[in-house]
Amino acid sequence: MDRPGKFEHHRWLGDKRTQVVYDLDNLEEPDLIEELMAAESYLCFGPDTLPEARNRGYRPYKGNGSGVADADVSA
């Protein structure tokens, strides 16, 4: 999946509406990000890590942020 232009240097992208964070490196459902961009309710994190997203109250997509259940994701 190609990253949105504004987030070409970011891996983790959050949805403000649902408090879910997506791993752009491993997401196999580009429709989710296209809809998020259209709604303009996204957020990136600094530092760009899963622990920082969790620190801000976001939960990973499908349990681990990768979009794939049981995947090993190192942040």
C-alpha atoms as a PDB file:
ATOM      1  CA  MET A   1       0.000   0.000   0.000  1.00  0.00           C
ATOM      2  CA  ASP A   2       1.281   3.480  -0.847  1.00  0.00           C
ATOM      3  CA  ARG A   3       1.377   5.910   2.023  1.00  0.00           C
ATOM      4  CA  PRO A   4      -0.612   9.136   1.825  1.00  0.00           C
ATOM      5  CA  GLY A   5       1.558  12.075   0.739  1.00  0.00           C
ATOM      6  CA  LYS A   6       1.376  13.839   4.096  1.00  0.00           C
ATOM      7  CA  PHE A   7       2.555  10.693   5.865  1.00  0.00           C
ATOM      8  CA  GLU A   8       5.268   9.358   3.585  1.00  0.00           C
ATOM      9  CA  HIS A   9       7.777   9.433   6.469  1.00  0.00           C
ATOM     10  CA  HIS A  10       5.420   8.054   9.129  1.00  0.00           C
ATOM     11  CA  ARG A  11       4.535   4.476   9.956  1.00  0.00           C
ATOM     12  CA  TRP A  12       1.731   4.880  12.521  1.00  0.00           C
ATOM     13  CA  LEU A  13      -1.453   6.766  11.657  1.00  0.00           C
ATOM     14  CA  GLY A  14      -4.289   7.297  14.120  1.00  0.00           C
ATOM     15  CA  ASP A  15      -8.019   7.744  13.578  1.00  0.00           C
ATOM     16  CA  LYS A  16      -9.313  10.454  15.939  1.00  0.00           C
ATOM     17  CA  ARG A  17     -12.904   9.197  15.658  1.00  0.00           C
ATOM     18  CA  THR A  18     -12.252   5.672  16.880  1.00  0.00           C
ATOM     19  CA  GLN A  19      -8.910   6.050  18.713  1.00  0.00           C
ATOM     20  CA  VAL A  20      -7.447   3.261  16.542  1.00  0.00           C
ATOM     21  CA  VAL A  21      -3.902   3.385  15.171  1.00  0.00           C
ATOM     22  CA  TYR A  22      -2.922   1.778  11.845  1.00  0.00           C
ATOM     23  CA  ASP A  23       0.483   0.432  10.800  1.00  0.00           C
ATOM     24  CA  LEU A  24       0.961   1.785   7.277  1.00  0.00           C
ATOM     25  CA  ASP A  25       3.827  -0.649   6.630  1.00  0.00           C
ATOM     26  CA  ASN A  26       1.635  -3.733   7.112  1.00  0.00           C
ATOM     27  CA  LEU A  27      -1.924  -2.667   6.418  1.00  0.00           C
ATOM     28  CA  GLU A  28      -3.531  -4.760   3.698  1.00  0.00           C
ATOM     29  CA  GLU A  29      -6.775  -2.776   3.579  1.00  0.00           C
ATOM     30  CA  PRO A  30      -6.048   0.544   1.800  1.00  0.00           C
ATOM     31  CA  ASP A  31      -9.757   1.438   1.841  1.00  0.00           C
ATOM     32  CA  LEU A  32      -9.462   2.168   5.569  1.00  0.00           C
ATOM     33  CA  ILE A  33      -6.810   4.824   5.008  1.00  0.00           C
ATOM     34  CA  GLU A  34      -8.572   6.299   1.966  1.00  0.00           C
ATOM     35  CA  GLU A  35     -11.723   6.749   4.064  1.00  0.00           C
ATOM     36  CA  LEU A  36      -9.678   8.227   6.916  1.00  0.00           C
ATOM     37  CA  MET A  37      -8.052  10.758   4.564  1.00  0.00           C
ATOM     38  CA  ALA A  38     -11.455  11.727   3.141  1.00  0.00           C
ATOM     39  CA  ALA A  39     -12.836  12.283   6.649  1.00  0.00           C
ATOM     40  CA  GLU A  40      -9.768  14.353   7.624  1.00  0.00           C
ATOM     41  CA  SER A  41      -9.743  12.840  11.110  1.00  0.00           C
ATOM     42  CA  TYR A  42      -6.184  11.514  11.243  1.00  0.00           C
ATOM     43  CA  LEU A  43      -3.207  12.040  13.504  1.00  0.00           C
ATOM     44  CA  CYS A  44       0.451  11.094  13.382  1.00  0.00           C
ATOM     45  CA  PHE A  45       2.649  10.591  16.424  1.00  0.00           C
ATOM     46  CA  GLY A  46       6.017  11.923  17.515  1.00  0.00           C
ATOM     47  CA  PRO A  47       7.971   9.829  18.020  1.00  0.00           C
ATOM     48  CA  ASP A  48       6.446   7.637  15.325  1.00  0.00           C
ATOM     49  CA  THR A  49       6.066   4.510  17.465  1.00  0.00           C
ATOM     50  CA  LEU A  50       3.303   2.215  18.656  1.00  0.00           C
ATOM     51  CA  PRO A  51       4.135   2.877  22.337  1.00  0.00           C
ATOM     52  CA  GLU A  52       3.628   6.635  21.737  1.00  0.00           C
ATOM     53  CA  ALA A  53       0.258   5.972  20.084  1.00  0.00           C
ATOM     54  CA  ARG A  54      -0.751   3.824  23.047  1.00  0.00           C
ATOM     55  CA  ASN A  55       0.464   6.544  25.405  1.00  0.00           C
ATOM     56  CA  ARG A  56      -2.037   8.893  23.760  1.00  0.00           C
ATOM     57  CA  GLY A  57      -4.899   6.446  24.253  1.00  0.00           C
ATOM     58  CA  TYR A  58      -4.934   4.812  20.810  1.00  0.00           C
ATOM     59  CA  ARG A  59      -5.361   1.075  20.470  1.00  0.00           C
ATOM     60  CA  PRO A  60      -3.781  -0.893  17.636  1.00  0.00           C
ATOM     61  CA  TYR A  61      -5.850  -2.062  14.702  1.00  0.00           C
ATOM     62  CA  LYS A  62      -6.704  -5.790  15.111  1.00  0.00           C
ATOM     63  CA  GLY A  63      -4.834  -6.036  18.396  1.00  0.00           C
ATOM     64  CA  ASN A  64      -1.283  -5.330  17.286  1.00  0.00           C
ATOM     65  CA  GLY A  65      -1.350  -2.436  14.835  1.00  0.00           C
ATOM     66  CA  SER A  66      -0.239  -4.452  11.847  1.00  0.00           C
ATOM     67  CA  GLY A  67      -3.637  -5.193  10.342  1.00  0.00           C
ATOM     68  CA  VAL A  68      -2.789  -8.879  10.653  1.00  0.00           C
ATOM     69  CA  ALA A  69      -3.821 -10.851  13.731  1.00  0.00           C
ATOM     70  CA  ASP A  70      -0.938 -12.351  15.730  1.00  0.00           C
ATOM     71  CA  ALA A  71       1.800 -10.597  13.738  1.00  0.00           C
ATOM     72  CA  ASP A  72       4.984  -9.691  15.560  1.00  0.00           C
ATOM     73  CA  VAL A  73       5.236  -5.896  15.391  1.00  0.00           C
ATOM     74  CA  SER A  74       8.349  -4.231  16.724  1.00  0.00           C
ATOM     75  CA  ALA A  75       7.887  -0.541  17.330  1.00  0.00           C
END
